[in-house]
Structures are given as structure tokens and as C-alpha cells.
Amino acid sequence: CTCSFLDTDRALVLLEEYCKKLKKPEEQQLKKAIRKVMGIFKSSLFQALLGSFTKKATRHGAVSHPSLPAAVAYDVLGCPKD
């Protein structure tokens, strides 16, 4: 199932959009932390672990994903987009 990978890609897009809004000096530490998380999401180890988890969860019927259009309606903080 590629749903988890799509979710990860969507999370990266949302995090990148949010980082672009962080311009104040006091927001730079948060921006740096978000960029670290983004690096982890992009790492091959994370992708391998995600793939392994998805396979196991799918076998046990434990994976459910919201539809992508519904996820797109919210920003990175979970607030509805205008």
C-alpha cells in the first residue's frame, strides 16, 4: 500500500509550507526543528520502517487512512484552510 508514503509526502509538503511562514527571529529555532523532522521523514531508514510497519498493519487489518482530499483541507497545525 502506498497510502503511508502519500501521507508522508503530504506531511512534508505541509511542513515545508509552514516553514516558509516562519520568518521572525524567535521562530527560527522551531523552523530548524521542523527541518530536522523533514530530514528524518526523507531518510531511507524512516521510509524502510514505514514500509515494514505498513505491511504488518495491513496484514492484521489495522491500517485505515483518511482520504487525501480531506487531509488537504487542513493546514500543518490541523486548522481548516481558508
N, C-alpha and C. Protein backbone atom coordinates (compact mmCIF):
# COMPACT_ATOMS: atom_id res chain seq x y z
N CYS A 1 0.85 -1.20 0.00
CA CYS A 1 0.00 0.00 0.00
C CYS A 1 0.88 1.25 0.00
N THR A 2 0.62 2.18 -0.86
CA THR A 2 1.40 3.41 -0.93
C THR A 2 0.77 4.54 -0.14
N CYS A 3 -0.32 4.25 0.57
CA CYS A 3 -1.01 5.30 1.32
C CYS A 3 -0.10 5.96 2.34
N SER A 4 0.68 5.17 3.07
CA SER A 4 1.57 5.74 4.08
C SER A 4 2.62 6.64 3.46
N PHE A 5 3.09 6.25 2.27
CA PHE A 5 4.08 7.07 1.59
C PHE A 5 3.45 8.36 1.09
N LEU A 6 2.20 8.29 0.65
CA LEU A 6 1.48 9.51 0.24
C LEU A 6 1.25 10.41 1.44
N ASP A 7 0.92 9.80 2.59
CA ASP A 7 0.73 10.58 3.81
C ASP A 7 2.02 11.28 4.21
N THR A 8 3.14 10.57 4.09
CA THR A 8 4.44 11.15 4.42
C THR A 8 4.77 12.29 3.48
N ASP A 9 4.53 12.09 2.20
CA ASP A 9 4.78 13.16 1.22
C ASP A 9 3.90 14.37 1.51
N ARG A 10 2.65 14.13 1.85
CA ARG A 10 1.73 15.24 2.16
C ARG A 10 2.22 15.97 3.42
N ALA A 11 2.68 15.23 4.41
CA ALA A 11 3.20 15.86 5.63
C ALA A 11 4.40 16.73 5.31
N LEU A 12 5.27 16.25 4.43
CA LEU A 12 6.44 17.03 4.03
C LEU A 12 6.03 18.32 3.33
N VAL A 13 5.04 18.24 2.47
CA VAL A 13 4.55 19.44 1.78
C VAL A 13 3.99 20.44 2.79
N LEU A 14 3.20 19.95 3.73
CA LEU A 14 2.61 20.84 4.74
C LEU A 14 3.68 21.46 5.64
N LEU A 15 4.67 20.66 6.03
CA LEU A 15 5.75 21.19 6.86
C LEU A 15 6.55 22.24 6.10
N GLU A 16 6.80 22.01 4.83
CA GLU A 16 7.53 22.98 4.02
C GLU A 16 6.75 24.28 3.90
N GLU A 17 5.44 24.18 3.68
CA GLU A 17 4.60 25.38 3.60
C GLU A 17 4.65 26.16 4.91
N TYR A 18 4.59 25.43 6.01
CA TYR A 18 4.61 26.09 7.32
C TYR A 18 5.97 26.75 7.56
N CYS A 19 7.05 26.08 7.19
CA CYS A 19 8.40 26.64 7.37
C CYS A 19 8.56 27.96 6.63
N LYS A 20 7.96 28.06 5.46
CA LYS A 20 8.05 29.29 4.67
C LYS A 20 7.41 30.47 5.39
N LYS A 21 6.48 30.20 6.30
CA LYS A 21 5.80 31.26 7.04
C LYS A 21 6.58 31.71 8.28
N LEU A 22 7.58 30.93 8.67
CA LEU A 22 8.36 31.23 9.87
C LEU A 22 9.50 32.18 9.51
N LYS A 23 9.29 33.45 9.74
CA LYS A 23 10.28 34.46 9.34
C LYS A 23 10.85 35.25 10.52
N LYS A 24 10.15 35.27 11.63
CA LYS A 24 10.60 36.05 12.78
C LYS A 24 11.80 35.37 13.43
N PRO A 25 12.69 36.16 14.03
CA PRO A 25 13.87 35.58 14.69
C PRO A 25 13.51 34.54 15.75
N GLU A 26 12.44 34.79 16.50
CA GLU A 26 12.07 33.86 17.56
C GLU A 26 11.47 32.55 17.01
N GLU A 27 11.17 32.51 15.72
CA GLU A 27 10.61 31.31 15.11
C GLU A 27 11.67 30.43 14.45
N GLN A 28 12.90 30.89 14.43
CA GLN A 28 13.95 30.16 13.72
C GLN A 28 14.33 28.84 14.38
N GLN A 29 14.23 28.77 15.70
CA GLN A 29 14.52 27.51 16.38
C GLN A 29 13.47 26.46 16.00
N LEU A 30 12.20 26.87 15.95
CA LEU A 30 11.13 25.97 15.52
C LEU A 30 11.36 25.53 14.08
N LYS A 31 11.73 26.47 13.23
CA LYS A 31 11.99 26.18 11.82
C LYS A 31 13.10 25.14 11.68
N LYS A 32 14.15 25.30 12.47
CA LYS A 32 15.27 24.35 12.44
C LYS A 32 14.81 22.96 12.88
N ALA A 33 13.98 22.90 13.92
CA ALA A 33 13.48 21.62 14.41
C ALA A 33 12.58 20.94 13.37
N ILE A 34 11.75 21.73 12.71
CA ILE A 34 10.87 21.19 11.67
C ILE A 34 11.70 20.65 10.52
N ARG A 35 12.75 21.36 10.15
CA ARG A 35 13.63 20.89 9.06
C ARG A 35 14.30 19.56 9.44
N LYS A 36 14.64 19.39 10.72
CA LYS A 36 15.22 18.11 11.17
C LYS A 36 14.20 16.98 10.99
N VAL A 37 12.96 17.25 11.39
CA VAL A 37 11.90 16.25 11.24
C VAL A 37 11.71 15.91 9.76
N MET A 38 11.75 16.93 8.91
CA MET A 38 11.62 16.70 7.47
C MET A 38 12.75 15.81 6.95
N GLY A 39 13.95 16.04 7.45
CA GLY A 39 15.08 15.20 7.06
C GLY A 39 14.89 13.76 7.47
N ILE A 40 14.31 13.56 8.65
CA ILE A 40 14.03 12.20 9.12
C ILE A 40 12.99 11.54 8.22
N PHE A 41 11.92 12.28 7.89
CA PHE A 41 10.88 11.73 7.01
C PHE A 41 11.45 11.33 5.66
N LYS A 42 12.45 12.07 5.19
CA LYS A 42 13.04 11.79 3.87
C LYS A 42 14.08 10.68 3.91
N SER A 43 14.53 10.29 5.10
CA SER A 43 15.60 9.30 5.21
C SER A 43 15.15 7.92 4.75
N SER A 44 16.09 7.17 4.20
CA SER A 44 15.76 5.82 3.74
C SER A 44 15.41 4.91 4.91
N LEU A 45 16.01 5.13 6.08
CA LEU A 45 15.68 4.31 7.25
C LEU A 45 14.22 4.51 7.63
N PHE A 46 13.77 5.77 7.69
CA PHE A 46 12.37 6.05 8.03
C PHE A 46 11.44 5.41 7.00
N GLN A 47 11.77 5.56 5.72
CA GLN A 47 10.93 5.00 4.66
C GLN A 47 10.87 3.47 4.78
N ALA A 48 11.98 2.85 5.11
CA ALA A 48 12.01 1.39 5.27
C ALA A 48 11.16 0.97 6.47
N LEU A 49 11.29 1.69 7.57
CA LEU A 49 10.49 1.38 8.76
C LEU A 49 9.01 1.59 8.48
N LEU A 50 8.68 2.63 7.78
CA LEU A 50 7.29 2.91 7.43
C LEU A 50 6.73 1.79 6.55
N GLY A 51 7.52 1.36 5.59
CA GLY A 51 7.09 0.26 4.72
C GLY A 51 6.89 -1.02 5.50
N SER A 52 7.78 -1.31 6.44
CA SER A 52 7.68 -2.51 7.27
C SER A 52 6.43 -2.45 8.15
N PHE A 53 6.19 -1.30 8.78
CA PHE A 53 5.02 -1.12 9.63
C PHE A 53 3.74 -1.28 8.82
N THR A 54 3.71 -0.68 7.64
CA THR A 54 2.51 -0.72 6.79
C THR A 54 2.19 -2.15 6.39
N LYS A 55 3.22 -2.92 6.04
CA LYS A 55 2.99 -4.32 5.65
C LYS A 55 2.40 -5.11 6.81
N LYS A 56 2.97 -4.94 8.02
CA LYS A 56 2.48 -5.68 9.18
C LYS A 56 1.06 -5.25 9.54
N ALA A 57 0.81 -3.95 9.54
CA ALA A 57 -0.51 -3.44 9.90
C ALA A 57 -1.56 -3.87 8.88
N THR A 58 -1.20 -3.89 7.62
CA THR A 58 -2.14 -4.29 6.57
C THR A 58 -2.50 -5.76 6.73
N ARG A 59 -1.51 -6.57 7.07
CA ARG A 59 -1.77 -8.00 7.28
C ARG A 59 -2.77 -8.22 8.40
N HIS A 60 -2.73 -7.36 9.42
CA HIS A 60 -3.62 -7.51 10.57
C HIS A 60 -4.87 -6.65 10.45
N GLY A 61 -5.05 -6.00 9.33
CA GLY A 61 -6.24 -5.18 9.11
C GLY A 61 -6.29 -3.93 9.97
N ALA A 62 -5.13 -3.42 10.37
CA ALA A 62 -5.10 -2.29 11.30
C ALA A 62 -4.83 -0.95 10.63
N VAL A 63 -4.77 -0.91 9.30
CA VAL A 63 -4.44 0.34 8.63
C VAL A 63 -5.70 0.96 8.05
N SER A 64 -5.94 2.20 8.43
CA SER A 64 -7.02 2.95 7.79
C SER A 64 -6.49 4.35 7.54
N HIS A 65 -6.80 4.90 6.40
CA HIS A 65 -6.28 6.22 6.03
C HIS A 65 -7.43 7.13 5.66
N PRO A 66 -7.39 8.37 6.14
CA PRO A 66 -8.40 9.32 5.67
C PRO A 66 -8.16 9.59 4.19
N SER A 67 -9.19 9.99 3.53
CA SER A 67 -9.00 10.28 2.11
C SER A 67 -8.09 11.49 1.97
N LEU A 68 -7.27 11.49 0.94
CA LEU A 68 -6.33 12.58 0.73
C LEU A 68 -7.04 13.93 0.59
N PRO A 69 -8.15 14.03 -0.15
CA PRO A 69 -8.82 15.34 -0.24
C PRO A 69 -9.22 15.89 1.12
N ALA A 70 -9.63 15.03 2.04
CA ALA A 70 -9.99 15.51 3.38
C ALA A 70 -8.76 16.03 4.10
N ALA A 71 -7.62 15.36 3.95
CA ALA A 71 -6.39 15.79 4.61
C ALA A 71 -5.89 17.11 4.05
N VAL A 72 -6.14 17.38 2.78
CA VAL A 72 -5.67 18.60 2.14
C VAL A 72 -6.44 19.82 2.65
N ALA A 73 -7.60 19.61 3.23
CA ALA A 73 -8.44 20.72 3.70
C ALA A 73 -7.89 21.36 4.97
N TYR A 74 -6.87 20.77 5.58
CA TYR A 74 -6.32 21.27 6.83
C TYR A 74 -4.86 21.66 6.66
N ASP A 75 -4.42 22.66 7.42
CA ASP A 75 -3.02 23.06 7.35
C ASP A 75 -2.19 22.19 8.28
N VAL A 76 -0.91 22.49 8.39
CA VAL A 76 0.02 21.66 9.16
C VAL A 76 -0.34 21.59 10.65
N LEU A 77 -1.04 22.58 11.15
CA LEU A 77 -1.43 22.58 12.56
C LEU A 77 -2.80 21.94 12.77
N GLY A 78 -3.41 21.45 11.70
CA GLY A 78 -4.71 20.81 11.81
C GLY A 78 -5.88 21.78 11.73
N CYS A 79 -5.59 23.03 11.40
CA CYS A 79 -6.64 24.03 11.28
C CYS A 79 -7.22 24.00 9.87
N PRO A 80 -8.53 24.19 9.74
CA PRO A 80 -9.12 24.23 8.39
C PRO A 80 -8.49 25.34 7.57
N LYS A 81 -8.20 25.04 6.30
CA LYS A 81 -7.65 26.06 5.41
C LYS A 81 -8.75 27.02 5.00
N ASP A 82 -8.38 28.27 4.78
CA ASP A 82 -9.36 29.27 4.34
C ASP A 82 -9.72 29.08 2.90
